PDB file of N, CA and C in Angstrom:
ATOM      1  N   MET A   1      45.818-176.381 132.369  1.00  0.00           N
ATOM      2  CA  MET A   1      47.211-176.043 132.481  1.00  0.00           C
ATOM      3  C   MET A   1      48.044-177.203 131.938  1.00  0.00           C
ATOM      4  N   ALA A   2      48.922-176.934 131.021  1.00  0.00           N
ATOM      5  CA  ALA A   2      49.744-177.969 130.396  1.00  0.00           C
ATOM      6  C   ALA A   2      51.150-177.940 130.983  1.00  0.00           C
ATOM      7  N   GLU A   3      51.693-179.126 131.196  1.00  0.00           N
ATOM      8  CA  GLU A   3      53.061-179.252 131.684  1.00  0.00           C
ATOM      9  C   GLU A   3      53.889-179.978 130.635  1.00  0.00           C
ATOM     10  N   ASN A   4      55.151-179.578 130.496  1.00  0.00           N
ATOM     11  CA  ASN A   4      56.058-180.226 129.556  1.00  0.00           C
ATOM     12  C   ASN A   4      57.175-180.919 130.319  1.00  0.00           C
ATOM     13  N   LYS A   5      57.575-182.062 129.823  1.00  0.00           N
ATOM     14  CA  LYS A   5      58.705-182.783 130.399  1.00  0.00           C
ATOM     15  C   LYS A   5      59.576-183.264 129.254  1.00  0.00           C
ATOM     16  N   ARG A   6      60.881-183.077 129.395  1.00  0.00           N
ATOM     17  CA  ARG A   6      61.810-183.529 128.366  1.00  0.00           C
ATOM     18  C   ARG A   6      62.785-184.512 128.992  1.00  0.00           C
ATOM     19  N   PHE A   7      63.216-185.462 128.203  1.00  0.00           N
ATOM     20  CA  PHE A   7      64.271-186.368 128.626  1.00  0.00           C
ATOM     21  C   PHE A   7      64.923-186.957 127.392  1.00  0.00           C
ATOM     22  N   ILE A   8      66.151-187.401 127.560  1.00  0.00           N
ATOM     23  CA  ILE A   8      66.905-188.035 126.483  1.00  0.00           C
ATOM     24  C   ILE A   8      67.081-189.495 126.849  1.00  0.00           C
ATOM     25  N   GLU A   9      66.651-190.357 125.943  1.00  0.00           N
ATOM     26  CA  GLU A   9      66.760-191.792 126.180  1.00  0.00           C
ATOM     27  C   GLU A   9      68.006-192.324 125.489  1.00  0.00           C
ATOM     28  N   VAL A  10      68.846-193.022 126.249  1.00  0.00           N
ATOM     29  CA  VAL A  10      70.060-193.633 125.710  1.00  0.00           C
ATOM     30  C   VAL A  10      70.198-195.034 126.282  1.00  0.00           C
ATOM     31  N   SER A  11      71.055-195.814 125.672  1.00  0.00           N
ATOM     32  CA  SER A  11      71.324-197.156 126.185  1.00  0.00           C
ATOM     33  C   SER A  11      72.188-197.047 127.440  1.00  0.00           C
ATOM     34  N   THR A  12      72.182-198.105 128.219  1.00  0.00           N
ATOM     35  CA  THR A  12      73.010-198.152 129.420  1.00  0.00           C
ATOM     36  C   THR A  12      74.488-198.062 129.064  1.00  0.00           C
ATOM     37  N   GLU A  13      74.851-198.669 127.934  1.00  0.00           N
ATOM     38  CA  GLU A  13      76.246-198.627 127.507  1.00  0.00           C
ATOM     39  C   GLU A  13      76.693-197.191 127.215  1.00  0.00           C
ATOM     40  N   LEU A  14      75.837-196.429 126.542  1.00  0.00           N
ATOM     41  CA  LEU A  14      76.179-195.041 126.223  1.00  0.00           C
ATOM     42  C   LEU A  14      76.239-194.205 127.493  1.00  0.00           C
ATOM     43  N   LYS A  15      75.336-194.452 128.424  1.00  0.00           N
ATOM     44  CA  LYS A  15      75.351-193.718 129.686  1.00  0.00           C
ATOM     45  C   LYS A  15      76.657-194.000 130.441  1.00  0.00           C
ATOM     46  N   ASN A  16      77.079-195.265 130.455  1.00  0.00           N
ATOM     47  CA  ASN A  16      78.346-195.623 131.106  1.00  0.00           C
ATOM     48  C   ASN A  16      79.536-195.018 130.369  1.00  0.00           C
ATOM     49  N   GLU A  17      79.465-194.971 129.038  1.00  0.00           N
ATOM     50  CA  GLU A  17      80.533-194.370 128.236  1.00  0.00           C
ATOM     51  C   GLU A  17      80.696-192.887 128.554  1.00  0.00           C
ATOM     52  N   ILE A  18      79.579-192.176 128.657  1.00  0.00           N
ATOM     53  CA  ILE A  18      79.633-190.744 128.982  1.00  0.00           C
ATOM     54  C   ILE A  18      80.240-190.552 130.364  1.00  0.00           C
ATOM     55  N   ALA A  19      79.811-191.379 131.321  1.00  0.00           N
ATOM     56  CA  ALA A  19      80.325-191.266 132.694  1.00  0.00           C
ATOM     57  C   ALA A  19      81.831-191.516 132.735  1.00  0.00           C
ATOM     58  N   GLU A  20      82.298-192.529 132.015  1.00  0.00           N
ATOM     59  CA  GLU A  20      83.728-192.828 132.010  1.00  0.00           C
ATOM     60  C   GLU A  20      84.523-191.749 131.284  1.00  0.00           C
ATOM     61  N   LYS A  21      84.002-191.272 130.168  1.00  0.00           N
ATOM     62  CA  LYS A  21      84.717-190.277 129.358  1.00  0.00           C
ATOM     63  C   LYS A  21      84.914-188.966 130.124  1.00  0.00           C
ATOM     64  N   PHE A  22      83.872-188.543 130.853  1.00  0.00           N
ATOM     65  CA  PHE A  22      83.939-187.263 131.562  1.00  0.00           C
ATOM     66  C   PHE A  22      84.266-187.422 133.047  1.00  0.00           C
ATOM     67  N   LYS A  23      84.537-188.665 133.479  1.00  0.00           N
ATOM     68  CA  LYS A  23      84.933-188.963 134.862  1.00  0.00           C
ATOM     69  C   LYS A  23      83.904-188.452 135.881  1.00  0.00           C
ATOM     70  N   VAL A  24      82.642-188.828 135.646  1.00  0.00           N
ATOM     71  CA  VAL A  24      81.551-188.517 136.565  1.00  0.00           C
ATOM     72  C   VAL A  24      80.781-189.807 136.827  1.00  0.00           C
ATOM     73  N   THR A  25      79.818-189.751 137.738  1.00  0.00           N
ATOM     74  CA  THR A  25      79.012-190.936 138.027  1.00  0.00           C
ATOM     75  C   THR A  25      77.878-191.061 137.015  1.00  0.00           C
ATOM     76  N   THR A  26      77.326-192.259 136.928  1.00  0.00           N
ATOM     77  CA  THR A  26      76.184-192.458 136.026  1.00  0.00           C
ATOM     78  C   THR A  26      74.970-191.700 136.533  1.00  0.00           C
ATOM     79  N   ARG A  27      74.878-191.465 137.836  1.00  0.00           N
ATOM     80  CA  ARG A  27      73.765-190.689 138.394  1.00  0.00           C
ATOM     81  C   ARG A  27      73.834-189.241 137.894  1.00  0.00           C
ATOM     82  N   THR A  28      75.032-188.693 137.791  1.00  0.00           N
ATOM     83  CA  THR A  28      75.212-187.338 137.264  1.00  0.00           C
ATOM     84  C   THR A  28      74.745-187.276 135.812  1.00  0.00           C
ATOM     85  N   VAL A  29      75.103-188.293 135.039  1.00  0.00           N
ATOM     86  CA  VAL A  29      74.684-188.347 133.638  1.00  0.00           C
ATOM     87  C   VAL A  29      73.164-188.487 133.549  1.00  0.00           C
ATOM     88  N   SER A  30      72.585-189.342 134.388  1.00  0.00           N
ATOM     89  CA  SER A  30      71.130-189.522 134.381  1.00  0.00           C
ATOM     90  C   SER A  30      70.400-188.221 134.709  1.00  0.00           C
ATOM     91  N   SER A  31      70.903-187.488 135.698  1.00  0.00           N
ATOM     92  CA  SER A  31      70.292-186.202 136.060  1.00  0.00           C
ATOM     93  C   SER A  31      70.340-185.226 134.893  1.00  0.00           C
ATOM     94  N   ALA A  32      71.451-185.224 134.187  1.00  0.00           N
ATOM     95  CA  ALA A  32      71.576-184.327 133.039  1.00  0.00           C
ATOM     96  C   ALA A  32      70.620-184.732 131.925  1.00  0.00           C
ATOM     97  N   LEU A  33      70.519-186.035 131.649  1.00  0.00           N
ATOM     98  CA  LEU A  33      69.666-186.499 130.558  1.00  0.00           C
ATOM     99  C   LEU A  33      68.180-186.366 130.879  1.00  0.00           C
ATOM    100  N   ASN A  34      67.845-186.287 132.168  1.00  0.00           N
ATOM    101  CA  ASN A  34      66.452-186.073 132.575  1.00  0.00           C
ATOM    102  C   ASN A  34      66.138-184.601 132.804  1.00  0.00           C
ATOM    103  N   TYR A  35      67.073-183.721 132.446  1.00  0.00           N
ATOM    104  CA  TYR A  35      66.924-182.265 132.582  1.00  0.00           C
ATOM    105  C   TYR A  35      66.666-181.844 134.021  1.00  0.00           C
ATOM    106  N   GLU A  36      67.229-182.579 134.986  1.00  0.00           N
ATOM    107  CA  GLU A  36      67.131-182.193 136.390  1.00  0.00           C
ATOM    108  C   GLU A  36      68.173-181.140 136.722  1.00  0.00           C
ATOM    109  N   THR A  37      69.250-181.091 135.946  1.00  0.00           N
ATOM    110  CA  THR A  37      70.302-180.094 136.131  1.00  0.00           C
ATOM    111  C   THR A  37      70.509-179.353 134.818  1.00  0.00           C
ATOM    112  N   ASN A  38      71.061-178.155 134.933  1.00  0.00           N
ATOM    113  CA  ASN A  38      71.296-177.357 133.728  1.00  0.00           C
ATOM    114  C   ASN A  38      72.665-176.679 133.782  1.00  0.00           C
ATOM    115  N   SER A  39      73.639-177.365 134.325  1.00  0.00           N
ATOM    116  CA  SER A  39      74.990-176.829 134.404  1.00  0.00           C
ATOM    117  C   SER A  39      75.654-176.928 133.028  1.00  0.00           C
ATOM    118  N   PRO A  40      76.785-176.243 132.848  1.00  0.00           N
ATOM    119  CA  PRO A  40      77.481-176.360 131.564  1.00  0.00           C
ATOM    120  C   PRO A  40      77.864-177.808 131.236  1.00  0.00           C
ATOM    121  N   SER A  41      78.287-178.571 132.240  1.00  0.00           N
ATOM    122  CA  SER A  41      78.645-179.965 131.983  1.00  0.00           C
ATOM    123  C   SER A  41      77.404-180.794 131.629  1.00  0.00           C
ATOM    124  N   ALA A  42      76.253-180.498 132.234  1.00  0.00           N
ATOM    125  CA  ALA A  42      75.020-181.220 131.897  1.00  0.00           C
ATOM    126  C   ALA A  42      74.642-180.984 130.440  1.00  0.00           C
ATOM    127  N   ARG A  43      74.835-179.769 129.969  1.00  0.00           N
ATOM    128  CA  ARG A  43      74.538-179.473 128.566  1.00  0.00           C
ATOM    129  C   ARG A  43      75.484-180.220 127.633  1.00  0.00           C
ATOM    130  N   ILE A  44      76.735-180.378 128.059  1.00  0.00           N
ATOM    131  CA  ILE A  44      77.695-181.148 127.263  1.00  0.00           C
ATOM    132  C   ILE A  44      77.283-182.613 127.211  1.00  0.00           C
ATOM    133  N   PHE A  45      76.860-183.170 128.351  1.00  0.00           N
ATOM    134  CA  PHE A  45      76.414-184.569 128.385  1.00  0.00           C
ATOM    135  C   PHE A  45      75.222-184.784 127.464  1.00  0.00           C
ATOM    136  N   ARG A  46      74.287-183.841 127.471  1.00  0.00           N
ATOM    137  CA  ARG A  46      73.096-183.970 126.609  1.00  0.00           C
ATOM    138  C   ARG A  46      73.483-183.897 125.136  1.00  0.00           C
ATOM    139  N   ALA A  47      74.375-182.975 124.794  1.00  0.00           N
ATOM    140  CA  ALA A  47      74.809-182.852 123.401  1.00  0.00           C
ATOM    141  C   ALA A  47      75.543-184.116 122.964  1.00  0.00           C
ATOM    142  N   TYR A  48      76.392-184.633 123.816  1.00  0.00           N
ATOM    143  CA  TYR A  48      77.140-185.858 123.495  1.00  0.00           C
ATOM    144  C   TYR A  48      76.165-187.012 123.278  1.00  0.00           C
ATOM    145  N   ALA A  49      75.179-187.133 124.152  1.00  0.00           N
ATOM    146  CA  ALA A  49      74.202-188.222 124.033  1.00  0.00           C
ATOM    147  C   ALA A  49      73.416-188.111 122.731  1.00  0.00           C
ATOM    148  N   LEU A  50      72.971-186.923 122.376  1.00  0.00           N
ATOM    149  CA  LEU A  50      72.199-186.742 121.142  1.00  0.00           C
ATOM    150  C   LEU A  50      73.052-186.997 119.905  1.00  0.00           C
ATOM    151  N   ASN A  51      74.320-186.629 119.971  1.00  0.00           N
ATOM    152  CA  ASN A  51      75.216-186.842 118.833  1.00  0.00           C
ATOM    153  C   ASN A  51      75.665-188.288 118.687  1.00  0.00           C
ATOM    154  N   HIS A  52      75.409-189.104 119.694  1.00  0.00           N
ATOM    155  CA  HIS A  52      75.809-190.503 119.652  1.00  0.00           C
ATOM    156  C   HIS A  52      74.617-191.448 119.722  1.00  0.00           C
ATOM    157  N   GLY A  53      73.475-191.029 119.212  1.00  0.00           N
ATOM    158  CA  GLY A  53      72.339-191.927 119.057  1.00  0.00           C
ATOM    159  C   GLY A  53      71.229-191.786 120.078  1.00  0.00           C
ATOM    160  N   GLY A  54      71.346-190.867 121.020  1.00  0.00           N
ATOM    161  CA  GLY A  54      70.273-190.658 121.987  1.00  0.00           C
ATOM    162  C   GLY A  54      69.054-190.038 121.324  1.00  0.00           C
ATOM    163  N   LYS A  55      67.892-190.265 121.918  1.00  0.00           N
ATOM    164  CA  LYS A  55      66.644-189.724 121.379  1.00  0.00           C
ATOM    165  C   LYS A  55      66.020-188.780 122.398  1.00  0.00           C
ATOM    166  N   LEU A  56      65.680-187.583 121.922  1.00  0.00           N
ATOM    167  CA  LEU A  56      65.057-186.577 122.772  1.00  0.00           C
ATOM    168  C   LEU A  56      63.552-186.735 122.707  1.00  0.00           C
ATOM    169  N   TYR A  57      62.917-186.847 123.877  1.00  0.00           N
ATOM    170  CA  TYR A  57      61.462-186.946 123.961  1.00  0.00           C
ATOM    171  C   TYR A  57      60.922-185.745 124.708  1.00  0.00           C
ATOM    172  N   GLU A  58      59.822-185.205 124.204  1.00  0.00           N
ATOM    173  CA  GLU A  58      59.123-184.129 124.887  1.00  0.00           C
ATOM    174  C   GLU A  58      57.702-184.614 125.137  1.00  0.00           C
ATOM    175  N   VAL A  59      57.329-184.692 126.409  1.00  0.00           N
ATOM    176  CA  VAL A  59      56.017-185.171 126.800  1.00  0.00           C
ATOM    177  C   VAL A  59      55.215-183.981 127.294  1.00  0.00           C
ATOM    178  N   LYS A  60      54.009-183.857 126.801  1.00  0.00           N
ATOM    179  CA  LYS A  60      53.145-182.744 127.195  1.00  0.00           C
ATOM    180  C   LYS A  60      51.936-183.309 127.914  1.00  0.00           C
ATOM    181  N   LEU A  61      51.744-182.902 129.150  1.00  0.00           N
ATOM    182  CA  LEU A  61      50.602-183.314 129.937  1.00  0.00           C
ATOM    183  C   LEU A  61      49.520-182.248 129.802  1.00  0.00           C
ATOM    184  N   VAL A  62      48.354-182.644 129.348  1.00  0.00           N
ATOM    185  CA  VAL A  62      47.263-181.690 129.156  1.00  0.00           C
ATOM    186  C   VAL A  62      46.100-182.053 130.065  1.00  0.00           C
ATOM    187  N   ASP A  63      45.246-181.072 130.312  1.00  0.00           N
ATOM    188  CA  ASP A  63      44.047-181.310 131.107  1.00  0.00           C
ATOM    189  C   ASP A  63      43.094-182.214 130.345  1.00  0.00           C
ATOM    190  N   ASN A  64      42.214-182.851 131.090  1.00  0.00           N
ATOM    191  CA  ASN A  64      41.227-183.739 130.511  1.00  0.00           C
ATOM    192  C   ASN A  64      40.228-182.922 129.677  1.00  0.00           C
ATOM    193  N   PRO A  65      40.170-183.150 128.358  1.00  0.00           N
ATOM    194  CA  PRO A  65      39.228-182.386 127.535  1.00  0.00           C
ATOM    195  C   PRO A  65      37.780-182.829 127.731  1.00  0.00           C
ATOM    196  N   TYR A  66      37.574-183.945 128.394  1.00  0.00           N
ATOM    197  CA  TYR A  66      36.232-184.478 128.568  1.00  0.00           C
ATOM    198  C   TYR A  66      35.681-184.280 129.975  1.00  0.00           C
ATOM    199  N   ASP A  67      36.303-183.422 130.756  1.00  0.00           N
ATOM    200  CA  ASP A  67      35.855-183.259 132.135  1.00  0.00           C
ATOM    201  C   ASP A  67      34.501-182.559 132.244  1.00  0.00           C
ATOM    202  N   LYS A  68      34.057-181.871 131.210  1.00  0.00           N
ATOM    203  CA  LYS A  68      32.758-181.183 131.255  1.00  0.00           C
ATOM    204  C   LYS A  68      31.667-181.951 130.526  1.00  0.00           C
ATOM    205  N   VAL A  69      31.978-183.159 130.095  1.00  0.00           N
ATOM    206  CA  VAL A  69      31.000-183.993 129.408  1.00  0.00           C
ATOM    207  C   VAL A  69      30.120-184.676 130.452  1.00  0.00           C
ATOM    208  N   ILE A  70      28.826-184.628 130.235  1.00  0.00           N
ATOM    209  CA  ILE A  70      27.879-185.256 131.157  1.00  0.00           C
ATOM    210  C   ILE A  70      27.559-186.649 130.643  1.00  0.00           C
ATOM    211  N   THR A  71      27.753-187.634 131.490  1.00  0.00           N
ATOM    212  CA  THR A  71      27.454-189.013 131.128  1.00  0.00           C
ATOM    213  C   THR A  71      26.036-189.323 131.617  1.00  0.00           C
ATOM    214  N   LEU A  72      25.212-189.803 130.703  1.00  0.00           N
ATOM    215  CA  LEU A  72      23.835-190.123 131.071  1.00  0.00           C
ATOM    216  C   LEU A  72      23.691-191.550 131.479  1.00  0.00           C
TER     217      LEU A  72
END
């Protein structure tokens, strides 16, 4: 079973800029950039971050392909 995780990496300065511009806390911005929330404002924060130098990462967790290998 594979799991996917997405997050947007930005500098602390950009995170603070987004928080000040939209008058929210940095924790709200962090939740949006870590895809913990999906409100309309969270989508705006993510778009703003990507348009101002943020990088989107998608991490895929996969099962161990070697779990059926017998070690002698």
